[in-house]
Amino acid sequence: MDPEFTKILIRVTIVGGSMMLIGGTALYFALRAYRKGEFTATVILAAVIAFVLACCVALLLLSFPR
């Protein structure tokens, strides 16, 4: 494997993982404050985490060296 690709992959993984952890934690506490319904809050939280994961995949695809 190309050393440049490995370096880019590690950076993307670190940034994406951090973004998921921080965003998920922040949304957990924000949605916990509203408490309209447990199922609704869980669905919204899952949708936002899925969106962040999709952004990480897009970042990975865009980070390939040309």
PDB file of N, CA and C in Angstrom:
ATOM      1  N   MET A   1       0.840  -1.167   0.000  1.00  0.00           N
ATOM      2  CA  MET A   1       0.000   0.000   0.000  1.00  0.00           C
ATOM      3  C   MET A   1       0.887   1.232   0.000  1.00  0.00           C
ATOM      4  N   ASP A   2       0.440   2.234  -0.709  1.00  0.00           N
ATOM      5  CA  ASP A   2       1.195   3.480  -0.827  1.00  0.00           C
ATOM      6  C   ASP A   2       1.260   4.185   0.534  1.00  0.00           C
ATOM      7  N   PRO A   3       2.446   4.626   0.942  1.00  0.00           N
ATOM      8  CA  PRO A   3       2.562   5.302   2.243  1.00  0.00           C
ATOM      9  C   PRO A   3       1.728   6.584   2.328  1.00  0.00           C
ATOM     10  N   GLU A   4       1.574   7.286   1.218  1.00  0.00           N
ATOM     11  CA  GLU A   4       0.763   8.510   1.207  1.00  0.00           C
ATOM     12  C   GLU A   4      -0.706   8.180   1.478  1.00  0.00           C
ATOM     13  N   PHE A   5      -1.180   7.092   0.885  1.00  0.00           N
ATOM     14  CA  PHE A   5      -2.565   6.672   1.108  1.00  0.00           C
ATOM     15  C   PHE A   5      -2.786   6.281   2.568  1.00  0.00           C
ATOM     16  N   THR A   6      -1.843   5.594   3.135  1.00  0.00           N
ATOM     17  CA  THR A   6      -1.955   5.188   4.536  1.00  0.00           C
ATOM     18  C   THR A   6      -2.033   6.410   5.440  1.00  0.00           C
ATOM     19  N   LYS A   7      -1.218   7.420   5.155  1.00  0.00           N
ATOM     20  CA  LYS A   7      -1.225   8.641   5.950  1.00  0.00           C
ATOM     21  C   LYS A   7      -2.572   9.365   5.834  1.00  0.00           C
ATOM     22  N   ILE A   8      -3.104   9.443   4.613  1.00  0.00           N
ATOM     23  CA  ILE A   8      -4.396  10.092   4.398  1.00  0.00           C
ATOM     24  C   ILE A   8      -5.506   9.309   5.086  1.00  0.00           C
ATOM     25  N   LEU A   9      -5.467   7.994   4.987  1.00  0.00           N
ATOM     26  CA  LEU A   9      -6.490   7.147   5.589  1.00  0.00           C
ATOM     27  C   LEU A   9      -6.516   7.286   7.108  1.00  0.00           C
ATOM     28  N   ILE A  10      -5.364   7.362   7.716  1.00  0.00           N
ATOM     29  CA  ILE A  10      -5.294   7.534   9.170  1.00  0.00           C
ATOM     30  C   ILE A  10      -5.853   8.886   9.575  1.00  0.00           C
ATOM     31  N   ARG A  11      -5.523   9.931   8.831  1.00  0.00           N
ATOM     32  CA  ARG A  11      -6.045  11.260   9.140  1.00  0.00           C
ATOM     33  C   ARG A  11      -7.560  11.298   9.036  1.00  0.00           C
ATOM     34  N   VAL A  12      -8.093  10.739   7.964  1.00  0.00           N
ATOM     35  CA  VAL A  12      -9.546  10.733   7.761  1.00  0.00           C
ATOM     36  C   VAL A  12     -10.235   9.932   8.862  1.00  0.00           C
ATOM     37  N   THR A  13      -9.663   8.818   9.246  1.00  0.00           N
ATOM     38  CA  THR A  13     -10.253   7.988  10.295  1.00  0.00           C
ATOM     39  C   THR A  13     -10.254   8.720  11.631  1.00  0.00           C
ATOM     40  N   ILE A  14      -9.170   9.395  11.959  1.00  0.00           N
ATOM     41  CA  ILE A  14      -9.098  10.130  13.220  1.00  0.00           C
ATOM     42  C   ILE A  14     -10.098  11.283  13.232  1.00  0.00           C
ATOM     43  N   VAL A  15     -10.132  12.060  12.153  1.00  0.00           N
ATOM     44  CA  VAL A  15     -11.055  13.198  12.094  1.00  0.00           C
ATOM     45  C   VAL A  15     -12.504  12.716  12.093  1.00  0.00           C
ATOM     46  N   GLY A  16     -12.806  11.694  11.317  1.00  0.00           N
ATOM     47  CA  GLY A  16     -14.166  11.181  11.251  1.00  0.00           C
ATOM     48  C   GLY A  16     -14.620  10.559  12.561  1.00  0.00           C
ATOM     49  N   GLY A  17     -13.754   9.802  13.185  1.00  0.00           N
ATOM     50  CA  GLY A  17     -14.100   9.206  14.476  1.00  0.00           C
ATOM     51  C   GLY A  17     -14.336  10.253  15.544  1.00  0.00           C
ATOM     52  N   SER A  18     -13.488  11.261  15.555  1.00  0.00           N
ATOM     53  CA  SER A  18     -13.672  12.354  16.514  1.00  0.00           C
ATOM     54  C   SER A  18     -14.976  13.093  16.259  1.00  0.00           C
ATOM     55  N   MET A  19     -15.270  13.326  14.982  1.00  0.00           N
ATOM     56  CA  MET A  19     -16.505  14.018  14.634  1.00  0.00           C
ATOM     57  C   MET A  19     -17.723  13.204  15.074  1.00  0.00           C
ATOM     58  N   MET A  20     -17.674  11.897  14.901  1.00  0.00           N
ATOM     59  CA  MET A  20     -18.794  11.058  15.312  1.00  0.00           C
ATOM     60  C   MET A  20     -18.956  11.050  16.832  1.00  0.00           C
ATOM     61  N   LEU A  21     -17.865  10.928  17.554  1.00  0.00           N
ATOM     62  CA  LEU A  21     -17.954  10.896  19.011  1.00  0.00           C
ATOM     63  C   LEU A  21     -18.447  12.218  19.588  1.00  0.00           C
ATOM     64  N   ILE A  22     -17.870  13.299  19.137  1.00  0.00           N
ATOM     65  CA  ILE A  22     -18.258  14.612  19.650  1.00  0.00           C
ATOM     66  C   ILE A  22     -19.687  14.944  19.251  1.00  0.00           C
ATOM     67  N   GLY A  23     -20.032  14.728  17.982  1.00  0.00           N
ATOM     68  CA  GLY A  23     -21.390  15.022  17.515  1.00  0.00           C
ATOM     69  C   GLY A  23     -22.430  14.146  18.180  1.00  0.00           C
ATOM     70  N   GLY A  24     -22.134  12.864  18.308  1.00  0.00           N
ATOM     71  CA  GLY A  24     -23.076  11.954  18.955  1.00  0.00           C
ATOM     72  C   GLY A  24     -23.305  12.293  20.413  1.00  0.00           C
ATOM     73  N   THR A  25     -22.237  12.637  21.108  1.00  0.00           N
ATOM     74  CA  THR A  25     -22.363  13.005  22.511  1.00  0.00           C
ATOM     75  C   THR A  25     -23.156  14.299  22.673  1.00  0.00           C
ATOM     76  N   ALA A  26     -22.861  15.279  21.840  1.00  0.00           N
ATOM     77  CA  ALA A  26     -23.580  16.549  21.917  1.00  0.00           C
ATOM     78  C   ALA A  26     -25.059  16.366  21.596  1.00  0.00           C
ATOM     79  N   LEU A  27     -25.352  15.590  20.583  1.00  0.00           N
ATOM     80  CA  LEU A  27     -26.750  15.356  20.241  1.00  0.00           C
ATOM     81  C   LEU A  27     -27.470  14.551  21.302  1.00  0.00           C
ATOM     82  N   TYR A  28     -26.774  13.627  21.924  1.00  0.00           N
ATOM     83  CA  TYR A  28     -27.388  12.843  22.998  1.00  0.00           C
ATOM     84  C   TYR A  28     -27.883  13.758  24.112  1.00  0.00           C
ATOM     85  N   PHE A  29     -27.021  14.660  24.554  1.00  0.00           N
ATOM     86  CA  PHE A  29     -27.415  15.556  25.630  1.00  0.00           C
ATOM     87  C   PHE A  29     -28.454  16.579  25.179  1.00  0.00           C
ATOM     88  N   ALA A  30     -28.359  17.039  23.918  1.00  0.00           N
ATOM     89  CA  ALA A  30     -29.341  18.000  23.417  1.00  0.00           C
ATOM     90  C   ALA A  30     -30.718  17.357  23.293  1.00  0.00           C
ATOM     91  N   LEU A  31     -30.777  16.172  22.750  1.00  0.00           N
ATOM     92  CA  LEU A  31     -32.067  15.506  22.586  1.00  0.00           C
ATOM     93  C   LEU A  31     -32.624  15.023  23.920  1.00  0.00           C
ATOM     94  N   ARG A  32     -31.766  14.738  24.842  1.00  0.00           N
ATOM     95  CA  ARG A  32     -32.213  14.314  26.167  1.00  0.00           C
ATOM     96  C   ARG A  32     -32.955  15.443  26.876  1.00  0.00           C
ATOM     97  N   ALA A  33     -32.566  16.673  26.571  1.00  0.00           N
ATOM     98  CA  ALA A  33     -33.218  17.821  27.186  1.00  0.00           C
ATOM     99  C   ALA A  33     -34.650  18.000  26.675  1.00  0.00           C
ATOM    100  N   TYR A  34     -34.906  17.647  25.423  1.00  0.00           N
ATOM    101  CA  TYR A  34     -36.233  17.854  24.857  1.00  0.00           C
ATOM    102  C   TYR A  34     -37.234  16.779  25.295  1.00  0.00           C
ATOM    103  N   ARG A  35     -36.871  15.539  25.189  1.00  0.00           N
ATOM    104  CA  ARG A  35     -37.689  14.410  25.644  1.00  0.00           C
ATOM    105  C   ARG A  35     -39.144  14.453  25.163  1.00  0.00           C
ATOM    106  N   LYS A  36     -39.356  14.726  23.868  1.00  0.00           N
ATOM    107  CA  LYS A  36     -40.714  14.671  23.326  1.00  0.00           C
ATOM    108  C   LYS A  36     -41.200  13.232  23.294  1.00  0.00           C
ATOM    109  N   GLY A  37     -40.323  12.359  23.003  1.00  0.00           N
ATOM    110  CA  GLY A  37     -40.638  10.944  22.977  1.00  0.00           C
ATOM    111  C   GLY A  37     -39.350  10.179  22.819  1.00  0.00           C
ATOM    112  N   GLU A  38     -39.223   9.092  23.514  1.00  0.00           N
ATOM    113  CA  GLU A  38     -37.962   8.353  23.460  1.00  0.00           C
ATOM    114  C   GLU A  38     -37.690   7.807  22.074  1.00  0.00           C
ATOM    115  N   PHE A  39     -38.720   7.282  21.404  1.00  0.00           N
ATOM    116  CA  PHE A  39     -38.513   6.714  20.076  1.00  0.00           C
ATOM    117  C   PHE A  39     -38.105   7.797  19.088  1.00  0.00           C
ATOM    118  N   THR A  40     -38.742   8.957  19.140  1.00  0.00           N
ATOM    119  CA  THR A  40     -38.417  10.057  18.236  1.00  0.00           C
ATOM    120  C   THR A  40     -36.983  10.528  18.443  1.00  0.00           C
ATOM    121  N   ALA A  41     -36.584  10.683  19.677  1.00  0.00           N
ATOM    122  CA  ALA A  41     -35.223  11.130  19.961  1.00  0.00           C
ATOM    123  C   ALA A  41     -34.200  10.115  19.468  1.00  0.00           C
ATOM    124  N   THR A  42     -34.503   8.831  19.624  1.00  0.00           N
ATOM    125  CA  THR A  42     -33.587   7.789  19.166  1.00  0.00           C
ATOM    126  C   THR A  42     -33.466   7.797  17.653  1.00  0.00           C
ATOM    127  N   VAL A  43     -34.577   7.981  16.958  1.00  0.00           N
ATOM    128  CA  VAL A  43     -34.554   8.013  15.495  1.00  0.00           C
ATOM    129  C   VAL A  43     -33.770   9.224  14.999  1.00  0.00           C
ATOM    130  N   ILE A  44     -33.990  10.372  15.603  1.00  0.00           N
ATOM    131  CA  ILE A  44     -33.264  11.576  15.188  1.00  0.00           C
ATOM    132  C   ILE A  44     -31.771  11.416  15.449  1.00  0.00           C
ATOM    133  N   LEU A  45     -31.421  10.886  16.592  1.00  0.00           N
ATOM    134  CA  LEU A  45     -30.012  10.679  16.916  1.00  0.00           C
ATOM    135  C   LEU A  45     -29.367   9.708  15.939  1.00  0.00           C
ATOM    136  N   ALA A  46     -30.060   8.621  15.619  1.00  0.00           N
ATOM    137  CA  ALA A  46     -29.527   7.651  14.664  1.00  0.00           C
ATOM    138  C   ALA A  46     -29.373   8.270  13.275  1.00  0.00           C
ATOM    139  N   ALA A  47     -30.322   9.102  12.874  1.00  0.00           N
ATOM    140  CA  ALA A  47     -30.241   9.758  11.558  1.00  0.00           C
ATOM    141  C   ALA A  47     -29.065  10.726  11.494  1.00  0.00           C
ATOM    142  N   VAL A  48     -28.836  11.467  12.553  1.00  0.00           N
ATOM    143  CA  VAL A  48     -27.721  12.416  12.553  1.00  0.00           C
ATOM    144  C   VAL A  48     -26.385  11.677  12.552  1.00  0.00           C
ATOM    145  N   ILE A  49     -26.284  10.610  13.311  1.00  0.00           N
ATOM    146  CA  ILE A  49     -25.043   9.831  13.318  1.00  0.00           C
ATOM    147  C   ILE A  49     -24.802   9.199  11.947  1.00  0.00           C
ATOM    148  N   ALA A  50     -25.862   8.729  11.296  1.00  0.00           N
ATOM    149  CA  ALA A  50     -25.719   8.181   9.948  1.00  0.00           C
ATOM    150  C   ALA A  50     -25.268   9.262   8.967  1.00  0.00           C
ATOM    151  N   PHE A  51     -25.776  10.472   9.129  1.00  0.00           N
ATOM    152  CA  PHE A  51     -25.353  11.584   8.273  1.00  0.00           C
ATOM    153  C   PHE A  51     -23.877  11.898   8.474  1.00  0.00           C
ATOM    154  N   VAL A  52     -23.438  11.920   9.715  1.00  0.00           N
ATOM    155  CA  VAL A  52     -22.028  12.181  10.001  1.00  0.00           C
ATOM    156  C   VAL A  52     -21.160  11.073   9.407  1.00  0.00           C
ATOM    157  N   LEU A  53     -21.607   9.824   9.518  1.00  0.00           N
ATOM    158  CA  LEU A  53     -20.863   8.711   8.935  1.00  0.00           C
ATOM    159  C   LEU A  53     -20.789   8.840   7.418  1.00  0.00           C
ATOM    160  N   ALA A  54     -21.878   9.248   6.787  1.00  0.00           N
ATOM    161  CA  ALA A  54     -21.877   9.461   5.335  1.00  0.00           C
ATOM    162  C   ALA A  54     -20.906  10.573   4.951  1.00  0.00           C
ATOM    163  N   CYS A  55     -20.826  11.613   5.765  1.00  0.00           N
ATOM    164  CA  CYS A  55     -19.858  12.686   5.511  1.00  0.00           C
ATOM    165  C   CYS A  55     -18.432  12.169   5.626  1.00  0.00           C
ATOM    166  N   CYS A  56     -18.201  11.271   6.565  1.00  0.00           N
ATOM    167  CA  CYS A  56     -16.864  10.687   6.713  1.00  0.00           C
ATOM    168  C   CYS A  56     -16.498   9.851   5.491  1.00  0.00           C
ATOM    169  N   VAL A  57     -17.452   9.102   4.962  1.00  0.00           N
ATOM    170  CA  VAL A  57     -17.193   8.311   3.762  1.00  0.00           C
ATOM    171  C   VAL A  57     -16.908   9.234   2.581  1.00  0.00           C
ATOM    172  N   ALA A  58     -17.673  10.318   2.473  1.00  0.00           N
ATOM    173  CA  ALA A  58     -17.413  11.286   1.402  1.00  0.00           C
ATOM    174  C   ALA A  58     -16.031  11.903   1.555  1.00  0.00           C
ATOM    175  N   LEU A  59     -15.642  12.212   2.776  1.00  0.00           N
ATOM    176  CA  LEU A  59     -14.300  12.741   3.024  1.00  0.00           C
ATOM    177  C   LEU A  59     -13.233  11.743   2.621  1.00  0.00           C
ATOM    178  N   LEU A  60     -13.474  10.473   2.914  1.00  0.00           N
ATOM    179  CA  LEU A  60     -12.531   9.433   2.516  1.00  0.00           C
ATOM    180  C   LEU A  60     -12.406   9.355   1.002  1.00  0.00           C
ATOM    181  N   LEU A  61     -13.518   9.384   0.294  1.00  0.00           N
ATOM    182  CA  LEU A  61     -13.482   9.306  -1.163  1.00  0.00           C
ATOM    183  C   LEU A  61     -12.798  10.512  -1.789  1.00  0.00           C
ATOM    184  N   LEU A  62     -12.971  11.661  -1.179  1.00  0.00           N
ATOM    185  CA  LEU A  62     -12.367  12.872  -1.714  1.00  0.00           C
ATOM    186  C   LEU A  62     -10.880  13.012  -1.352  1.00  0.00           C
ATOM    187  N   SER A  63     -10.420  12.211  -0.425  1.00  0.00           N
ATOM    188  CA  SER A  63      -9.045  12.363   0.028  1.00  0.00           C
ATOM    189  C   SER A  63      -8.031  11.502  -0.719  1.00  0.00           C
ATOM    190  N   PHE A  64      -8.481  10.709  -1.678  1.00  0.00           N
ATOM    191  CA  PHE A  64      -7.540   9.900  -2.445  1.00  0.00           C
ATOM    192  C   PHE A  64      -6.605  10.811  -3.236  1.00  0.00           C
ATOM    193  N   PRO A  65      -5.334  10.492  -3.249  1.00  0.00           N
ATOM    194  CA  PRO A  65      -4.410  11.293  -4.050  1.00  0.00           C
ATOM    195  C   PRO A  65      -4.708  11.120  -5.528  1.00  0.00           C
ATOM    196  N   ARG A  66      -4.520  12.189  -6.262  1.00  0.00           N
ATOM    197  CA  ARG A  66      -4.853  12.153  -7.705  1.00  0.00           C
ATOM    198  C   ARG A  66      -3.617  11.974  -8.533  1.00  0.00           C
TER     199      ARG A  66
END
